[in-house]
């Protein structure tokens, strides 16, 4: 498929809004939201949601910054990956392959965002100087430099990525078939790796039976993911209420012992 100029402009405005939303904490920069919006504009919501959900699982682990580390930006798979998956779906491009190919873009985008943050480091002194001089226009500009930078950069990402479908298609076509197959396998593993990284942090021996039960339900019983999610929610509620009852009993025993 090819995108029109109007669609490219809409994608650019949408990505600009989503990137600015990152600054005010409304999580519009998440891959699932970005991919849904891009899919809606390009007329393939199903592929957009598939791409967003797959990328979100992957970014669940290594998409979270720890300390001073900065992970790849979810705009890579959320925008560029979704555009590749939709535009080249007829050519055999699957979501897993698009996810793998989008990661270099995710790293590059994060470099630019870090650069924008670095440029903004001196804005406080500039804004202070502007307000002391009574230059309110300069004060507004320097105070909102990050918002302006993110808005312009987000618009350019969406516009250029959508208008460059032919370039992306040519780039993918020169990749050997064996490498595409390898990227597809690697892309399929990324969600599992992201989830495993989360489990590596929060895993307890009490959770192992639940993990094994989920594996059995998916692999051997072919249970749908939605059904498994409901089953997991039931187990979580049961565990929560049982812990609550146990905690109350312990608390009562401690009060009685203190009274004695």
Protein backbone atom coordinates (compact mmCIF):
# COMPACT_ATOMS: atom_id res chain seq x y z
CA UNK A 1 0.00 0.00 0.00
CA UNK A 2 0.96 3.64 -0.43
CA UNK A 3 -0.01 6.48 1.87
CA UNK A 4 -1.35 9.82 0.73
CA UNK A 5 0.02 13.20 1.79
CA UNK A 6 -3.05 13.72 3.96
CA UNK A 7 -2.42 10.46 5.81
CA UNK A 8 1.24 11.39 6.27
CA UNK A 9 0.27 14.76 7.76
CA UNK A 10 -2.24 13.09 10.10
CA UNK A 11 0.36 10.56 11.25
CA UNK A 12 2.83 13.39 11.84
CA UNK A 13 0.34 15.37 13.93
CA UNK A 14 -0.63 12.25 15.87
CA UNK A 15 2.99 11.32 16.68
CA UNK A 16 3.67 14.93 17.66
CA UNK A 17 0.78 14.84 20.12
CA UNK A 18 1.88 11.47 21.51
CA UNK A 19 5.48 12.58 22.01
CA UNK A 20 4.40 15.76 23.81
CA UNK A 21 2.13 13.60 25.98
CA UNK A 22 5.26 11.89 27.30
CA UNK A 23 6.25 15.16 28.97
CA UNK A 24 2.98 15.54 30.85
CA UNK A 25 2.78 11.91 31.95
CA UNK A 26 -0.26 10.65 30.02
CA UNK A 27 1.63 7.72 28.43
CA UNK A 28 0.60 8.47 24.86
CA UNK A 29 4.12 7.52 23.81
CA UNK A 30 3.53 3.83 24.51
CA UNK A 31 3.80 1.47 21.55
CA UNK A 32 0.24 0.14 21.85
CA UNK A 33 -1.26 3.65 21.63
CA UNK A 34 1.04 4.77 18.83
CA UNK A 35 0.45 1.64 16.76
CA UNK A 36 -3.32 1.86 17.19
CA UNK A 37 -3.38 5.48 16.00
CA UNK A 38 -1.13 4.80 13.02
CA UNK A 39 -3.18 1.74 12.08
CA UNK A 40 -6.39 3.76 12.34
CA UNK A 41 -5.05 6.50 10.06
CA UNK A 42 -3.64 4.04 7.51
CA UNK A 43 -6.80 1.93 7.51
CA UNK A 44 -5.51 -1.27 9.14
CA UNK A 45 -6.36 -1.20 12.83
CA UNK A 46 -5.92 -4.97 13.24
CA UNK A 47 -2.28 -4.95 12.15
CA UNK A 48 -1.69 -1.82 14.22
CA UNK A 49 -3.04 -3.49 17.36
CA UNK A 50 -1.04 -6.66 16.69
CA UNK A 51 2.14 -4.63 16.28
CA UNK A 52 1.42 -2.51 19.34
CA UNK A 53 0.63 -5.47 21.59
CA UNK A 54 3.74 -7.37 20.48
CA UNK A 55 5.97 -4.32 20.97
CA UNK A 56 4.39 -3.58 24.34
CA UNK A 57 5.23 -7.07 25.58
CA UNK A 58 8.83 -6.63 24.44
CA UNK A 59 9.15 -3.16 26.00
CA UNK A 60 7.64 -4.40 29.24
CA UNK A 61 11.13 -5.53 30.23
CA UNK A 62 13.87 -3.68 28.39
CA UNK A 63 11.73 -0.63 27.63
CA UNK A 64 12.02 0.60 31.21
CA UNK A 65 15.02 2.72 32.18
CA UNK A 66 16.86 1.67 35.31
CA UNK A 67 19.06 4.28 36.94
CA UNK A 68 20.94 6.20 34.30
CA UNK A 69 20.22 3.79 31.45
CA UNK A 70 18.00 4.90 28.58
CA UNK A 71 16.14 2.16 26.66
CA UNK A 72 15.20 2.34 22.97
CA UNK A 73 12.20 4.54 22.31
CA UNK A 74 8.83 2.82 21.71
CA UNK A 75 8.16 5.21 18.81
CA UNK A 76 10.40 2.91 16.76
CA UNK A 77 8.08 -0.10 16.74
CA UNK A 78 4.98 1.97 17.46
CA UNK A 79 5.32 4.14 14.35
CA UNK A 80 8.04 2.89 11.99
CA UNK A 81 7.41 -0.78 12.75
CA UNK A 82 3.66 -0.39 12.32
CA UNK A 83 4.07 1.42 9.00
CA UNK A 84 6.36 -1.36 7.75
CA UNK A 85 3.98 -4.09 8.93
CA UNK A 86 0.98 -2.44 7.24
CA UNK A 87 2.68 -1.30 4.04
CA UNK A 88 4.46 -4.60 3.39
CA UNK A 89 1.87 -7.03 4.70
CA UNK A 90 1.07 -8.16 1.15
CA UNK A 91 4.78 -8.86 0.59
CA UNK A 92 4.92 -11.33 3.46
CA UNK A 93 6.12 -8.96 6.19
CA UNK A 94 4.87 -10.18 9.56
CA UNK A 95 4.70 -8.33 12.86
CA UNK A 96 7.71 -10.11 14.36
CA UNK A 97 9.96 -9.14 11.45
CA UNK A 98 8.74 -5.54 11.54
CA UNK A 99 9.47 -5.42 15.26
CA UNK A 100 13.07 -6.54 14.71
CA UNK A 101 13.63 -4.09 11.84
CA UNK A 102 12.23 -1.19 13.87
CA UNK A 103 14.72 -1.43 16.72
CA UNK A 104 17.55 0.49 14.98
CA UNK A 105 15.04 3.30 14.46
CA UNK A 106 14.04 3.09 18.12
CA UNK A 107 17.67 3.56 19.19
CA UNK A 108 18.21 6.44 16.76
CA UNK A 109 15.03 8.20 17.90
CA UNK A 110 16.10 7.92 21.52
CA UNK A 111 19.47 9.50 20.67
CA UNK A 112 17.68 12.51 19.17
CA UNK A 113 15.34 12.81 22.17
CA UNK A 114 18.32 12.71 24.53
CA UNK A 115 19.93 15.44 22.42
CA UNK A 116 16.79 17.59 22.77
CA UNK A 117 16.91 17.12 26.52
CA UNK A 118 20.58 18.14 26.50
CA UNK A 119 19.83 21.30 24.52
CA UNK A 120 17.17 22.17 27.07
CA UNK A 121 19.66 21.95 29.94
CA UNK A 122 20.50 25.65 29.66
CA UNK A 123 16.92 26.85 29.19
CA UNK A 124 16.46 27.69 32.87
CA UNK A 125 19.18 30.32 32.84
CA UNK A 126 17.91 31.66 29.50
CA UNK A 127 14.37 31.89 30.84
CA UNK A 128 15.56 33.63 34.01
CA UNK A 129 17.52 36.16 31.99
CA UNK A 130 14.55 36.76 29.69
CA UNK A 131 12.13 37.39 32.55
CA UNK A 132 14.59 39.76 34.22
CA UNK A 133 14.81 41.74 30.99
CA UNK A 134 11.04 41.75 30.58
CA UNK A 135 11.24 39.77 27.34
CA UNK A 136 8.13 37.63 27.80
CA UNK A 137 8.14 36.17 24.28
CA UNK A 138 11.65 34.83 24.79
CA UNK A 139 10.63 33.57 28.24
CA UNK A 140 7.71 31.58 26.81
CA UNK A 141 9.90 30.18 24.06
CA UNK A 142 12.71 29.03 26.34
CA UNK A 143 10.33 27.72 29.00
CA UNK A 144 8.53 25.52 26.48
CA UNK A 145 11.56 24.55 24.39
CA UNK A 146 11.23 20.84 25.18
CA UNK A 147 7.54 20.81 24.24
CA UNK A 148 8.32 22.60 20.98
CA UNK A 149 11.28 20.33 20.21
CA UNK A 150 9.30 17.16 20.90
CA UNK A 151 6.35 18.41 18.87
CA UNK A 152 8.46 19.25 15.82
CA UNK A 153 10.49 16.05 16.06
CA UNK A 154 7.39 13.88 16.47
CA UNK A 155 5.74 15.50 13.46
CA UNK A 156 8.84 14.91 11.33
CA UNK A 157 9.04 11.26 12.41
CA UNK A 158 5.44 10.57 11.44
CA UNK A 159 5.59 12.55 8.19
CA UNK A 160 8.91 11.17 6.95
CA UNK A 161 8.18 7.57 7.97
CA UNK A 162 4.81 7.58 6.20
CA UNK A 163 6.11 9.27 3.06
CA UNK A 164 9.11 6.90 2.93
CA UNK A 165 7.14 3.70 2.47
CA UNK A 166 8.77 3.08 -0.91
CA UNK A 167 12.22 3.57 0.61
CA UNK A 168 11.41 1.18 3.46
CA UNK A 169 10.07 -1.35 0.97
CA UNK A 170 13.24 -1.11 -1.15
CA UNK A 171 15.36 -1.49 1.99
CA UNK A 172 13.52 -4.65 3.01
CA UNK A 173 13.68 -6.09 -0.50
CA UNK A 174 17.49 -6.04 -0.54
CA UNK A 175 17.66 -8.06 2.67
CA UNK A 176 18.34 -11.77 1.95
CA UNK A 177 15.52 -14.21 2.61
CA UNK A 178 17.54 -16.13 5.21
CA UNK A 179 18.13 -12.93 7.17
CA UNK A 180 14.44 -12.03 7.01
CA UNK A 181 13.62 -15.47 8.42
CA UNK A 182 16.14 -14.95 11.21
CA UNK A 183 14.72 -11.53 12.01
CA UNK A 184 11.24 -13.02 12.14
CA UNK A 185 12.37 -15.61 14.68
CA UNK A 186 14.24 -12.97 16.69
CA UNK A 187 11.22 -10.68 16.65
CA UNK A 188 9.06 -13.49 17.95
CA UNK A 189 11.47 -13.98 20.84
CA UNK A 190 11.58 -10.30 21.85
CA UNK A 191 8.24 -10.32 23.75
CA UNK A 192 9.36 -13.42 25.66
CA UNK A 193 12.68 -11.75 26.51
CA UNK A 194 10.93 -8.60 27.72
CA UNK A 195 8.56 -10.60 29.90
CA UNK A 196 11.43 -12.73 31.20
CA UNK A 197 13.31 -9.59 32.26
CA UNK A 198 10.28 -8.49 34.27
CA UNK A 199 10.04 -11.93 35.90
CA UNK A 200 13.75 -11.86 36.68
CA UNK A 201 13.14 -8.81 38.85
CA UNK A 202 9.86 -9.75 40.54
CA UNK A 203 9.91 -13.57 40.50
CA UNK A 204 9.31 -15.48 43.72
CA UNK A 205 9.15 -19.22 44.21
CA UNK A 206 5.44 -18.87 45.05
CA UNK A 207 4.79 -17.66 41.47
CA UNK A 208 6.41 -20.65 39.73
CA UNK A 209 3.23 -22.83 39.76
CA UNK A 210 1.24 -20.01 38.15
CA UNK A 211 3.87 -19.58 35.42
CA UNK A 212 3.92 -23.32 34.70
CA UNK A 213 0.11 -23.40 34.68
CA UNK A 214 0.03 -20.60 32.12
CA UNK A 215 2.52 -22.45 29.92
CA UNK A 216 0.46 -25.65 30.06
CA UNK A 217 -2.78 -23.78 29.26
CA UNK A 218 -1.28 -22.09 26.20
CA UNK A 219 0.91 -24.92 24.84
CA UNK A 220 -1.19 -28.01 25.53
CA UNK A 221 -4.76 -26.80 26.09
CA UNK A 222 -4.64 -24.10 23.37
CA UNK A 223 -6.45 -21.67 25.66
CA UNK A 224 -6.97 -18.18 24.15
CA UNK A 225 -4.90 -15.39 25.67
CA UNK A 226 -8.04 -13.52 26.82
CA UNK A 227 -9.29 -16.63 28.61
CA UNK A 228 -5.91 -17.14 30.25
CA UNK A 229 -5.90 -13.48 31.32
CA UNK A 230 -9.28 -13.95 33.02
CA UNK A 231 -8.03 -17.12 34.73
CA UNK A 232 -4.95 -15.24 35.94
CA UNK A 233 -7.14 -12.42 37.26
CA UNK A 234 -9.24 -14.95 39.20
CA UNK A 235 -6.12 -16.47 40.75
CA UNK A 236 -4.80 -13.01 41.60
CA UNK A 237 -8.06 -12.00 43.31
CA UNK A 238 -8.15 -15.29 45.19
CA UNK A 239 -4.57 -14.80 46.37
CA UNK A 240 -5.30 -11.20 47.36
CA UNK A 241 -8.38 -12.06 49.43
CA UNK A 242 -6.68 -15.03 51.09
CA UNK A 243 -3.73 -12.86 52.07
CA UNK A 244 -6.13 -10.28 53.46
CA UNK A 245 -7.85 -12.83 55.67
CA UNK A 246 -4.54 -14.23 56.82
CA UNK A 247 -3.23 -10.77 57.61
CA UNK A 248 -6.29 -9.98 59.73
CA UNK A 249 -5.89 -13.15 61.75
CA UNK A 250 -2.22 -12.46 62.40
CA UNK A 251 -2.99 -8.89 63.36
CA UNK A 252 -5.65 -10.07 65.86
CA UNK A 253 -3.24 -12.56 67.39
CA UNK A 254 -0.61 -9.86 67.79
CA UNK A 255 -3.11 -7.56 69.49
CA UNK A 256 -4.12 -10.31 71.94
CA UNK A 257 -0.51 -11.12 72.74
CA UNK A 258 0.23 -7.45 73.35
CA UNK A 259 -2.79 -7.24 75.64
CA UNK A 260 -1.63 -10.20 77.69
